[in-house]
N, C-alpha and C. Protein backbone atom coordinates (compact mmCIF):
# COMPACT_ATOMS: atom_id res chain seq x y z
N MET A 1 34.78 -60.17 -3.50
CA MET A 1 34.52 -59.04 -4.16
C MET A 1 35.24 -58.29 -3.96
N THR A 2 35.17 -57.26 -5.27
CA THR A 2 36.35 -56.29 -5.71
C THR A 2 36.60 -54.89 -4.76
N GLN A 3 37.74 -54.84 -5.08
CA GLN A 3 38.40 -53.66 -4.77
C GLN A 3 37.03 -52.54 -5.29
N LYS A 4 36.20 -52.34 -6.13
CA LYS A 4 36.25 -51.06 -6.37
C LYS A 4 34.50 -51.52 -5.11
N HIS A 5 34.60 -52.17 -5.11
CA HIS A 5 32.71 -53.12 -4.98
C HIS A 5 32.45 -52.77 -3.36
N LYS A 6 34.41 -52.47 -2.56
CA LYS A 6 34.62 -52.64 -1.30
C LYS A 6 34.56 -51.00 -1.03
N VAL A 7 34.94 -50.22 -2.19
CA VAL A 7 34.80 -48.92 -1.97
C VAL A 7 33.96 -48.59 -1.93
N SER A 8 33.09 -48.64 -3.09
CA SER A 8 31.82 -48.28 -2.77
C SER A 8 30.55 -48.15 -1.43
N ILE A 9 31.80 -49.72 -1.29
CA ILE A 9 30.49 -50.11 -0.14
C ILE A 9 30.67 -49.03 1.20
N LEU A 10 32.16 -48.26 1.19
CA LEU A 10 33.12 -47.73 2.43
C LEU A 10 32.00 -46.51 2.29
N LEU A 11 32.03 -46.22 0.63
CA LEU A 11 31.75 -44.92 0.91
C LEU A 11 30.31 -44.88 0.35
N LEU A 12 29.59 -45.79 0.43
CA LEU A 12 28.00 -45.60 0.80
C LEU A 12 28.00 -45.54 2.79
N LEU A 13 28.76 -46.09 3.52
CA LEU A 13 28.73 -46.74 4.88
C LEU A 13 29.32 -44.98 5.45
N HIS A 14 30.58 -43.95 4.42
CA HIS A 14 30.33 -42.87 4.82
C HIS A 14 29.38 -42.15 4.74
N LEU A 15 28.26 -41.99 3.56
CA LEU A 15 28.15 -40.91 3.28
C LEU A 15 26.48 -41.09 4.13
N PHE A 16 26.07 -42.33 4.63
CA PHE A 16 24.84 -42.96 4.83
C PHE A 16 24.96 -43.28 6.56
N LEU A 17 25.83 -43.63 6.96
CA LEU A 17 25.83 -44.06 8.17
C LEU A 17 26.71 -43.81 8.97
N SER A 18 27.64 -42.40 8.59
CA SER A 18 28.87 -41.75 9.64
C SER A 18 28.12 -40.63 10.43
N THR A 19 26.86 -40.43 10.11
CA THR A 19 25.58 -39.46 10.88
C THR A 19 24.32 -39.64 11.39
N VAL A 20 24.75 -41.57 11.67
CA VAL A 20 23.42 -41.36 11.88
C VAL A 20 23.42 -41.32 13.27
N GLN A 21 22.50 -40.68 13.67
CA GLN A 21 22.43 -40.83 15.53
C GLN A 21 20.78 -41.22 15.32
N VAL A 22 21.46 -41.87 17.45
CA VAL A 22 20.74 -42.65 17.56
C VAL A 22 20.72 -42.09 19.60
N HIS A 23 19.88 -41.81 19.83
CA HIS A 23 20.01 -40.85 21.28
C HIS A 23 21.29 -39.70 20.94
N ALA A 24 20.79 -38.78 20.82
CA ALA A 24 22.09 -37.69 21.05
C ALA A 24 23.43 -38.17 19.98
N GLN A 25 23.75 -39.09 19.59
CA GLN A 25 25.13 -40.16 20.21
C GLN A 25 25.35 -40.23 18.35
N GLU A 26 26.11 -39.27 17.38
CA GLU A 26 26.76 -40.05 16.64
C GLU A 26 27.76 -41.27 16.23
N LEU A 27 27.67 -42.58 15.28
CA LEU A 27 27.84 -43.50 15.54
C LEU A 27 28.37 -43.73 14.07
N THR A 28 29.38 -44.73 13.96
CA THR A 28 29.78 -44.99 12.83
C THR A 28 29.68 -46.54 12.55
N CYS A 29 29.17 -46.85 11.17
CA CYS A 29 29.50 -48.95 11.24
C CYS A 29 30.00 -48.57 10.69
N GLU A 30 31.04 -49.47 10.89
CA GLU A 30 32.40 -49.92 9.88
C GLU A 30 32.70 -50.90 9.48
N ALA A 31 32.97 -51.82 11.15
CA ALA A 31 33.54 -53.35 11.20
C ALA A 31 32.69 -54.46 10.48
N GLY A 32 33.50 -54.60 9.73
CA GLY A 32 32.75 -55.75 9.41
C GLY A 32 33.36 -55.50 7.90
N PRO A 33 32.50 -56.49 6.71
CA PRO A 33 31.16 -56.94 6.97
C PRO A 33 31.21 -58.15 7.07
N VAL A 34 29.80 -58.92 7.04
CA VAL A 34 29.29 -60.29 6.92
C VAL A 34 28.52 -60.42 6.30
N LYS A 35 28.61 -60.89 5.33
CA LYS A 35 27.15 -61.53 4.31
C LYS A 35 26.46 -62.37 4.40
N ARG A 36 25.67 -61.71 4.88
CA ARG A 36 24.08 -62.98 5.25
C ARG A 36 23.16 -62.80 3.87
N GLN A 37 22.26 -63.52 4.04
CA GLN A 37 21.35 -63.16 3.11
C GLN A 37 19.93 -63.39 4.15
N TYR A 38 19.40 -62.38 3.34
CA TYR A 38 17.95 -62.06 4.20
C TYR A 38 16.61 -62.01 2.65
N GLY A 39 15.98 -62.60 2.78
CA GLY A 39 15.25 -62.81 1.93
C GLY A 39 15.93 -63.61 1.03
N SER A 40 15.93 -63.17 -0.99
CA SER A 40 16.32 -64.07 -1.37
C SER A 40 17.83 -63.33 -1.93
N THR A 41 18.15 -62.24 -1.34
CA THR A 41 19.68 -61.55 -2.10
C THR A 41 20.05 -61.82 -0.55
N TYR A 42 21.52 -61.29 -0.88
CA TYR A 42 22.61 -59.92 -0.44
C TYR A 42 22.69 -59.24 0.61
N TRP A 43 22.80 -59.48 1.01
CA TRP A 43 23.23 -58.03 2.52
C TRP A 43 24.62 -57.81 3.37
N LEU A 44 24.74 -56.92 3.36
CA LEU A 44 26.64 -56.84 3.86
C LEU A 44 26.22 -56.68 5.25
N VAL A 45 26.62 -57.14 6.46
CA VAL A 45 26.13 -56.42 8.07
C VAL A 45 27.35 -56.34 8.43
N TYR A 46 27.42 -54.80 9.12
CA TYR A 46 28.34 -53.87 9.77
C TYR A 46 27.87 -53.56 11.38
N ALA A 47 28.94 -53.92 12.04
CA ALA A 47 28.89 -53.17 13.60
C ALA A 47 29.23 -51.75 13.54
N CYS A 48 28.19 -51.45 14.50
CA CYS A 48 28.65 -49.65 14.74
C CYS A 48 29.69 -49.71 16.23
N ASP A 49 29.78 -48.30 16.49
CA ASP A 49 31.31 -48.91 17.60
C ASP A 49 30.12 -48.00 18.44
N ASP A 50 28.99 -47.85 19.09
CA ASP A 50 27.92 -48.53 20.00
C ASP A 50 28.33 -49.29 20.92
N ASN A 51 28.47 -50.73 19.45
CA ASN A 51 28.55 -52.36 19.86
C ASN A 51 26.85 -52.43 20.28
N GLU A 52 26.13 -52.07 19.98
CA GLU A 52 25.12 -52.05 20.41
C GLU A 52 24.03 -52.37 18.86
N SER A 53 24.20 -51.19 17.62
CA SER A 53 24.06 -51.02 16.42
C SER A 53 24.31 -51.82 15.13
N LEU A 54 23.70 -52.30 14.43
CA LEU A 54 24.04 -52.48 13.13
C LEU A 54 23.57 -52.05 11.44
N ALA A 55 24.40 -52.66 10.53
CA ALA A 55 23.45 -51.78 9.56
C ALA A 55 24.33 -52.47 8.31
N VAL A 56 22.45 -53.16 7.67
CA VAL A 56 22.39 -54.26 6.62
C VAL A 56 22.51 -53.58 5.97
N VAL A 57 23.68 -53.52 5.05
CA VAL A 57 23.31 -52.59 3.64
C VAL A 57 23.46 -53.62 2.72
N ALA A 58 23.13 -53.44 1.54
CA ALA A 58 22.16 -54.26 0.33
C ALA A 58 23.72 -54.40 -0.36
N ALA A 59 24.06 -55.18 -0.99
CA ALA A 59 25.57 -56.06 -1.62
C ALA A 59 25.62 -54.92 -2.99
N PRO A 60 26.46 -55.19 -3.65
CA PRO A 60 26.53 -54.33 -4.76
C PRO A 60 26.12 -54.97 -5.65
N GLU A 61 24.99 -56.51 -5.64
CA GLU A 61 24.91 -57.23 -6.88
C GLU A 61 23.28 -57.27 -6.12
N ASN A 62 22.86 -56.54 -4.93
CA ASN A 62 21.70 -56.94 -4.57
C ASN A 62 21.35 -55.76 -5.43
N PRO A 63 19.73 -55.78 -6.15
CA PRO A 63 18.51 -54.99 -6.78
C PRO A 63 18.34 -53.94 -5.96
N ALA A 64 18.56 -54.11 -4.56
CA ALA A 64 17.75 -53.39 -4.04
C ALA A 64 19.13 -51.68 -3.11
N SER A 65 20.11 -52.11 -3.92
CA SER A 65 21.49 -51.45 -3.42
C SER A 65 20.68 -49.93 -4.20
N PRO A 66 21.12 -48.88 -3.33
CA PRO A 66 22.03 -48.85 -2.16
C PRO A 66 21.02 -48.82 -0.98
N PHE A 67 20.35 -49.35 -0.74
CA PHE A 67 19.49 -49.13 0.27
C PHE A 67 19.77 -49.59 1.44
N TYR A 68 19.55 -49.59 2.73
CA TYR A 68 20.27 -50.32 4.17
C TYR A 68 19.12 -50.12 4.94
N PHE A 69 18.85 -51.52 5.68
CA PHE A 69 18.58 -51.06 7.25
C PHE A 69 19.56 -50.87 8.26
N PHE A 70 18.75 -50.72 9.17
CA PHE A 70 18.98 -50.11 10.74
C PHE A 70 18.79 -50.47 11.80
N PHE A 71 19.42 -51.68 12.71
CA PHE A 71 18.43 -51.41 14.01
C PHE A 71 19.15 -51.05 14.95
N SER A 72 18.44 -50.52 16.33
CA SER A 72 19.16 -50.12 17.01
C SER A 72 18.09 -50.65 18.61
N ARG A 73 19.09 -50.30 19.25
CA ARG A 73 18.24 -50.67 20.80
C ARG A 73 17.33 -50.12 20.99
N ALA A 74 16.00 -50.54 21.48
CA ALA A 74 15.01 -50.09 21.99
C ALA A 74 14.20 -49.95 23.42
N GLU A 75 14.08 -49.10 24.06
CA GLU A 75 13.70 -48.17 25.31
C GLU A 75 13.16 -49.96 25.73
N ASP A 76 12.82 -50.42 25.61
CA ASP A 76 12.47 -52.25 25.88
C ASP A 76 13.78 -53.28 26.81
N GLY A 77 14.73 -53.05 25.66
CA GLY A 77 15.87 -53.48 25.54
C GLY A 77 15.92 -54.83 24.17
N GLY A 78 14.95 -54.30 23.80
CA GLY A 78 15.33 -55.44 22.68
C GLY A 78 15.70 -54.46 21.54
N TYR A 79 15.65 -54.52 19.91
CA TYR A 79 15.82 -53.55 18.99
C TYR A 79 14.65 -53.33 18.36
N THR A 80 14.46 -52.64 17.33
CA THR A 80 13.94 -52.13 15.90
C THR A 80 15.02 -51.67 15.03
N VAL A 81 14.45 -51.98 14.24
CA VAL A 81 14.54 -52.00 13.06
C VAL A 81 14.03 -51.38 12.02
N ARG A 82 14.79 -50.18 11.40
CA ARG A 82 14.11 -49.43 10.38
C ARG A 82 15.02 -49.37 8.25
N GLY A 83 13.99 -48.98 7.45
CA GLY A 83 14.96 -48.75 6.25
C GLY A 83 14.75 -47.55 6.21
N MET A 84 16.31 -46.99 5.51
CA MET A 84 17.08 -46.08 5.58
C MET A 84 16.34 -45.64 4.02
N ASN A 85 15.36 -45.53 2.97
CA ASN A 85 15.91 -45.00 1.86
C ASN A 85 13.57 -45.45 2.08
N THR A 86 13.30 -44.33 0.67
CA THR A 86 11.90 -44.42 0.88
C THR A 86 11.22 -45.09 -0.36
N GLU A 87 12.34 -46.38 -0.77
CA GLU A 87 12.02 -46.52 -1.86
C GLU A 87 11.70 -48.31 -1.27
N LYS A 88 10.00 -49.03 -1.63
CA LYS A 88 9.44 -50.10 -1.49
C LYS A 88 9.52 -50.97 -2.57
N SER A 89 10.11 -52.20 -1.91
CA SER A 89 10.06 -53.13 -3.60
C SER A 89 10.03 -54.66 -2.83
N ASP A 90 9.84 -56.02 -3.61
CA ASP A 90 9.62 -57.08 -2.90
C ASP A 90 10.34 -57.58 -2.62
N VAL A 91 11.91 -56.73 -2.51
CA VAL A 91 13.06 -57.30 -2.13
C VAL A 91 13.41 -57.00 -1.07
N ILE A 92 13.11 -56.12 -1.35
CA ILE A 92 13.23 -54.99 0.37
C ILE A 92 12.47 -55.75 1.16
N ASN A 93 11.06 -55.76 0.89
CA ASN A 93 10.03 -55.87 1.84
C ASN A 93 10.34 -57.65 2.53
N SER A 94 11.14 -58.53 1.39
CA SER A 94 11.21 -59.81 1.73
C SER A 94 12.08 -59.86 2.71
N ALA A 95 13.44 -58.99 2.80
CA ALA A 95 14.15 -58.81 2.99
C ALA A 95 13.78 -58.47 5.09
N LEU A 96 13.17 -57.29 4.80
CA LEU A 96 12.54 -57.00 6.07
C LEU A 96 12.06 -57.86 7.00
N LYS A 97 11.20 -58.55 6.74
CA LYS A 97 10.72 -59.79 7.17
C LYS A 97 11.37 -60.52 7.51
N ASP A 98 12.23 -61.65 7.09
CA ASP A 98 13.08 -61.81 7.84
C ASP A 98 14.11 -60.69 8.62
N LEU A 99 14.95 -59.76 8.89
CA LEU A 99 15.28 -59.26 9.68
C LEU A 99 14.62 -58.73 10.60
N LYS A 100 13.50 -59.04 10.47
CA LYS A 100 12.63 -58.89 12.02
C LYS A 100 12.19 -59.92 12.27
N LYS A 101 12.30 -61.28 11.90
CA LYS A 101 12.48 -62.52 12.72
C LYS A 101 13.49 -62.57 13.89
N LEU A 102 15.16 -61.46 13.81
CA LEU A 102 15.44 -62.21 13.92
C LEU A 102 15.85 -61.92 15.95
N SER A 103 15.97 -62.56 16.38
CA SER A 103 15.87 -62.63 17.74
C SER A 103 17.64 -61.78 18.47
N LYS A 104 17.76 -61.01 19.72
CA LYS A 104 17.87 -60.22 20.29
C LYS A 104 19.35 -60.99 20.10
N ASP A 105 19.96 -61.56 20.70
CA ASP A 105 21.07 -63.39 20.71
C ASP A 105 21.15 -63.09 19.61
N ALA A 106 20.66 -63.49 18.69
CA ALA A 106 20.85 -63.51 17.27
C ALA A 106 21.23 -62.43 16.28
N ILE A 107 20.90 -61.14 16.99
CA ILE A 107 21.56 -59.70 16.71
C ILE A 107 22.79 -59.79 17.20
N GLN A 108 22.89 -59.34 18.00
CA GLN A 108 24.02 -59.73 19.53
C GLN A 108 24.95 -60.28 18.76
N LEU A 109 24.93 -61.78 18.37
CA LEU A 109 26.07 -62.47 17.96
C LEU A 109 26.39 -61.83 16.27
N LEU A 110 25.47 -61.47 15.91
CA LEU A 110 25.78 -60.70 14.26
C LEU A 110 26.97 -59.60 14.31
N ILE A 111 26.24 -58.55 15.28
CA ILE A 111 27.48 -57.88 16.10
C ILE A 111 28.80 -57.93 16.17
N LYS A 112 28.94 -59.28 16.99
CA LYS A 112 30.35 -59.74 17.16
C LYS A 112 31.42 -60.25 16.22
N GLU A 113 30.24 -60.72 15.31
CA GLU A 113 30.75 -61.43 13.71
C GLU A 113 31.68 -60.01 13.27
N ALA A 114 30.88 -59.30 12.50
CA ALA A 114 31.26 -58.07 12.32
C ALA A 114 32.21 -57.21 12.79
N LYS A 115 32.56 -57.26 14.10
CA LYS A 115 33.87 -56.85 14.76
C LYS A 115 34.86 -57.88 14.35
N ASN A 116 34.06 -59.48 14.29
CA ASN A 116 36.16 -59.56 14.07
C ASN A 116 35.79 -59.47 12.92
N ALA A 117 35.43 -59.37 11.82
CA ALA A 117 35.40 -60.03 10.70
C ALA A 117 37.20 -59.41 9.56
């Protein structure tokens, strides 16, 4: 990944993720990224500073860019995933289908991997 792509991804994270609020807590999601394929495209996974949330950002080469998903803890102890854009496309729907299959343990492992990246 070129420096230009890193800068634009960080800019996206700053613009979209630095002010995400979950239960009145402001989160920063900058640990990572870990590159993964969901659907048929690549996504960059970032861990948030609450150690429980994840941002899954479309990689620069992903046609869904600048779309991202956000995982947060649900009241039942599991996770919810939300898409952060109003766009609906086959690329996004395909990725969402894969992301919804992730278990709680798989999400927690992604958080650890992103923190160590």
